Amino acid sequence: MLCLTMIDEILAALRLARSKSGFSQSYIAEKLNIEQVTYGRWERGQTPITVKDLIRVCELLSIEILELFPQSQKRPAKSKVQVMLTLTEKNQIDIDLLSAIHQAIKNYTK
């Protein structure tokens, strides 16, 4: 599982990407057909976000999901991550499991 610091960094990157895009939390929530409070809780780490929803947010922000991971982390090969996300995106997966997948791929690519 991810340490709290890394989760905080991922969520901070999500907030920054949204801010740079010029989108409000309300706008993102509207596009995802959810309440603004739900989206705000995702960004604050108060409610886990599923991989499927994280992918949808990244698509709205026109960013790759790997852009959310801290720069200090070695990024796994994109194709391997895409395969893992494809296998898991239909399930309700929180950010901790996504991070575990990231770590497993990172270890595999060493």
C-alpha atoms as a PDB file:
ATOM      1  CA  MET A   1       0.000   0.000   0.000  1.00  0.00           C
ATOM      2  CA  LEU A   2       1.033   3.578  -0.509  1.00  0.00           C
ATOM      3  CA  CYS A   3       2.303   5.713   2.277  1.00  0.00           C
ATOM      4  CA  LEU A   4       0.143   8.671   3.198  1.00  0.00           C
ATOM      5  CA  THR A   5       2.752  11.091   1.864  1.00  0.00           C
ATOM      6  CA  MET A   6       2.610   9.612  -1.633  1.00  0.00           C
ATOM      7  CA  ILE A   7      -1.197   9.641  -1.633  1.00  0.00           C
ATOM      8  CA  ASP A   8      -1.081  13.287  -0.581  1.00  0.00           C
ATOM      9  CA  GLU A   9       1.326  14.015  -3.445  1.00  0.00           C
ATOM     10  CA  ILE A  10      -0.938  12.262  -5.972  1.00  0.00           C
ATOM     11  CA  LEU A  11      -3.981  14.176  -4.739  1.00  0.00           C
ATOM     12  CA  ALA A  12      -2.022  17.443  -4.784  1.00  0.00           C
ATOM     13  CA  ALA A  13      -1.046  16.692  -8.395  1.00  0.00           C
ATOM     14  CA  LEU A  14      -4.708  16.084  -9.210  1.00  0.00           C
ATOM     15  CA  ARG A  15      -5.703  19.423  -7.657  1.00  0.00           C
ATOM     16  CA  LEU A  16      -2.885  21.207  -9.487  1.00  0.00           C
ATOM     17  CA  ALA A  17      -3.829  19.653 -12.833  1.00  0.00           C
ATOM     18  CA  ARG A  18      -7.442  20.707 -12.339  1.00  0.00           C
ATOM     19  CA  SER A  19      -6.394  24.205 -11.363  1.00  0.00           C
ATOM     20  CA  LYS A  20      -4.062  24.528 -14.379  1.00  0.00           C
ATOM     21  CA  SER A  21      -6.900  23.418 -16.630  1.00  0.00           C
ATOM     22  CA  GLY A  22      -9.036  26.263 -15.326  1.00  0.00           C
ATOM     23  CA  PHE A  23     -11.794  23.856 -14.309  1.00  0.00           C
ATOM     24  CA  SER A  24     -13.651  24.145 -11.033  1.00  0.00           C
ATOM     25  CA  GLN A  25     -14.544  21.168  -8.878  1.00  0.00           C
ATOM     26  CA  SER A  26     -18.165  21.876  -9.794  1.00  0.00           C
ATOM     27  CA  TYR A  27     -17.391  21.674 -13.516  1.00  0.00           C
ATOM     28  CA  ILE A  28     -15.558  18.352 -13.166  1.00  0.00           C
ATOM     29  CA  ALA A  29     -18.344  16.979 -10.960  1.00  0.00           C
ATOM     30  CA  GLU A  30     -20.973  18.031 -13.481  1.00  0.00           C
ATOM     31  CA  LYS A  31     -19.108  16.303 -16.331  1.00  0.00           C
ATOM     32  CA  LEU A  32     -18.794  13.134 -14.224  1.00  0.00           C
ATOM     33  CA  ASN A  33     -22.452  13.352 -13.201  1.00  0.00           C
ATOM     34  CA  ILE A  34     -21.609  13.432  -9.493  1.00  0.00           C
ATOM     35  CA  GLU A  35     -22.043  15.960  -6.694  1.00  0.00           C
ATOM     36  CA  GLN A  36     -19.353  18.614  -6.243  1.00  0.00           C
ATOM     37  CA  VAL A  37     -18.956  17.534  -2.629  1.00  0.00           C
ATOM     38  CA  THR A  38     -18.058  14.018  -3.793  1.00  0.00           C
ATOM     39  CA  TYR A  39     -15.369  15.327  -6.126  1.00  0.00           C
ATOM     40  CA  GLY A  40     -14.031  17.597  -3.380  1.00  0.00           C
ATOM     41  CA  ARG A  41     -13.769  14.619  -1.034  1.00  0.00           C
ATOM     42  CA  TRP A  42     -11.783  12.725  -3.667  1.00  0.00           C
ATOM     43  CA  GLU A  43      -9.303  15.598  -3.986  1.00  0.00           C
ATOM     44  CA  ARG A  44      -8.961  15.880  -0.207  1.00  0.00           C
ATOM     45  CA  GLY A  45      -8.521  12.122   0.200  1.00  0.00           C
ATOM     46  CA  GLN A  46     -11.618  11.845   2.372  1.00  0.00           C
ATOM     47  CA  THR A  47     -13.283   9.374   0.011  1.00  0.00           C
ATOM     48  CA  PRO A  48     -11.417   6.831  -2.146  1.00  0.00           C
ATOM     49  CA  ILE A  49     -11.609   7.369  -5.891  1.00  0.00           C
ATOM     50  CA  THR A  50     -11.974   4.352  -8.160  1.00  0.00           C
ATOM     51  CA  VAL A  51      -9.517   3.740 -10.981  1.00  0.00           C
ATOM     52  CA  LYS A  52     -12.361   4.162 -13.442  1.00  0.00           C
ATOM     53  CA  ASP A  53     -13.248   7.580 -12.024  1.00  0.00           C
ATOM     54  CA  LEU A  54      -9.607   8.643 -11.801  1.00  0.00           C
ATOM     55  CA  ILE A  55      -9.196   7.765 -15.471  1.00  0.00           C
ATOM     56  CA  ARG A  56     -12.308   9.795 -16.312  1.00  0.00           C
ATOM     57  CA  VAL A  57     -10.953  12.805 -14.399  1.00  0.00           C
ATOM     58  CA  CYS A  58      -7.601  12.503 -16.173  1.00  0.00           C
ATOM     59  CA  GLU A  59      -9.378  12.383 -19.526  1.00  0.00           C
ATOM     60  CA  LEU A  60     -11.284  15.572 -18.684  1.00  0.00           C
ATOM     61  CA  LEU A  61      -8.033  17.242 -17.655  1.00  0.00           C
ATOM     62  CA  SER A  62      -6.235  15.916 -20.766  1.00  0.00           C
ATOM     63  CA  ILE A  63      -3.477  14.309 -18.714  1.00  0.00           C
ATOM     64  CA  GLU A  64      -2.016  10.821 -18.400  1.00  0.00           C
ATOM     65  CA  ILE A  65      -2.743   9.068 -15.118  1.00  0.00           C
ATOM     66  CA  LEU A  66       1.004   8.615 -14.564  1.00  0.00           C
ATOM     67  CA  GLU A  67       1.413  12.395 -14.420  1.00  0.00           C
ATOM     68  CA  LEU A  68      -0.201  12.218 -10.986  1.00  0.00           C
ATOM     69  CA  PHE A  69       2.555  10.054  -9.532  1.00  0.00           C
ATOM     70  CA  PRO A  70       5.401  11.901  -7.808  1.00  0.00           C
ATOM     71  CA  GLN A  71       8.345  12.746 -10.050  1.00  0.00           C
ATOM     72  CA  SER A  72      10.697  11.031  -7.617  1.00  0.00           C
ATOM     73  CA  GLN A  73       9.102   7.689  -8.455  1.00  0.00           C
ATOM     74  CA  LYS A  74      10.476   5.745 -11.406  1.00  0.00           C
ATOM     75  CA  ARG A  75       7.616   5.590 -13.867  1.00  0.00           C
ATOM     76  CA  PRO A  76       6.773   2.156 -15.196  1.00  0.00           C
ATOM     77  CA  ALA A  77       6.452   1.469 -18.887  1.00  0.00           C
ATOM     78  CA  LYS A  78       3.203   3.044 -20.070  1.00  0.00           C
ATOM     79  CA  SER A  79       1.990  -0.030 -21.907  1.00  0.00           C
ATOM     80  CA  LYS A  80       2.288  -2.210 -18.797  1.00  0.00           C
ATOM     81  CA  VAL A  81       0.324   0.298 -16.741  1.00  0.00           C
ATOM     82  CA  GLN A  82      -2.363   0.500 -19.405  1.00  0.00           C
ATOM     83  CA  VAL A  83      -2.675  -3.299 -19.403  1.00  0.00           C
ATOM     84  CA  MET A  84      -3.034  -3.370 -15.620  1.00  0.00           C
ATOM     85  CA  LEU A  85      -5.603  -0.554 -15.628  1.00  0.00           C
ATOM     86  CA  THR A  86      -7.588  -2.251 -18.363  1.00  0.00           C
ATOM     87  CA  LEU A  87      -7.705  -5.402 -16.256  1.00  0.00           C
ATOM     88  CA  THR A  88      -8.798  -3.523 -13.148  1.00  0.00           C
ATOM     89  CA  GLU A  89     -10.833  -0.518 -14.264  1.00  0.00           C
ATOM     90  CA  LYS A  90     -14.180  -2.325 -14.112  1.00  0.00           C
ATOM     91  CA  ASN A  91     -13.679  -3.034 -10.421  1.00  0.00           C
ATOM     92  CA  GLN A  92     -14.162  -0.581  -7.578  1.00  0.00           C
ATOM     93  CA  ILE A  93     -10.523   0.080  -6.722  1.00  0.00           C
ATOM     94  CA  ASP A  94      -9.292   2.805  -4.419  1.00  0.00           C
ATOM     95  CA  ILE A  95      -6.102   4.817  -4.733  1.00  0.00           C
ATOM     96  CA  ASP A  96      -4.229   2.420  -2.408  1.00  0.00           C
ATOM     97  CA  LEU A  97      -4.754  -0.505  -4.761  1.00  0.00           C
ATOM     98  CA  LEU A  98      -3.803   1.625  -7.754  1.00  0.00           C
ATOM     99  CA  SER A  99      -0.604   2.480  -5.909  1.00  0.00           C
ATOM    100  CA  ALA A 100       0.082  -1.168  -5.151  1.00  0.00           C
ATOM    101  CA  ILE A 101      -0.282  -1.921  -8.866  1.00  0.00           C
ATOM    102  CA  HIS A 102       2.095   0.945  -9.641  1.00  0.00           C
ATOM    103  CA  GLN A 103       4.637  -0.411  -7.134  1.00  0.00           C
ATOM    104  CA  ALA A 104       4.401  -3.942  -8.545  1.00  0.00           C
ATOM    105  CA  ILE A 105       5.015  -2.668 -12.065  1.00  0.00           C
ATOM    106  CA  LYS A 106       7.863  -0.486 -10.828  1.00  0.00           C
ATOM    107  CA  ASN A 107       9.514  -3.506  -9.231  1.00  0.00           C
ATOM    108  CA  TYR A 108       8.937  -5.538 -12.407  1.00  0.00           C
ATOM    109  CA  THR A 109      10.636  -2.948 -14.611  1.00  0.00           C
ATOM    110  CA  LYS A 110      13.814  -2.642 -12.495  1.00  0.00           C
END
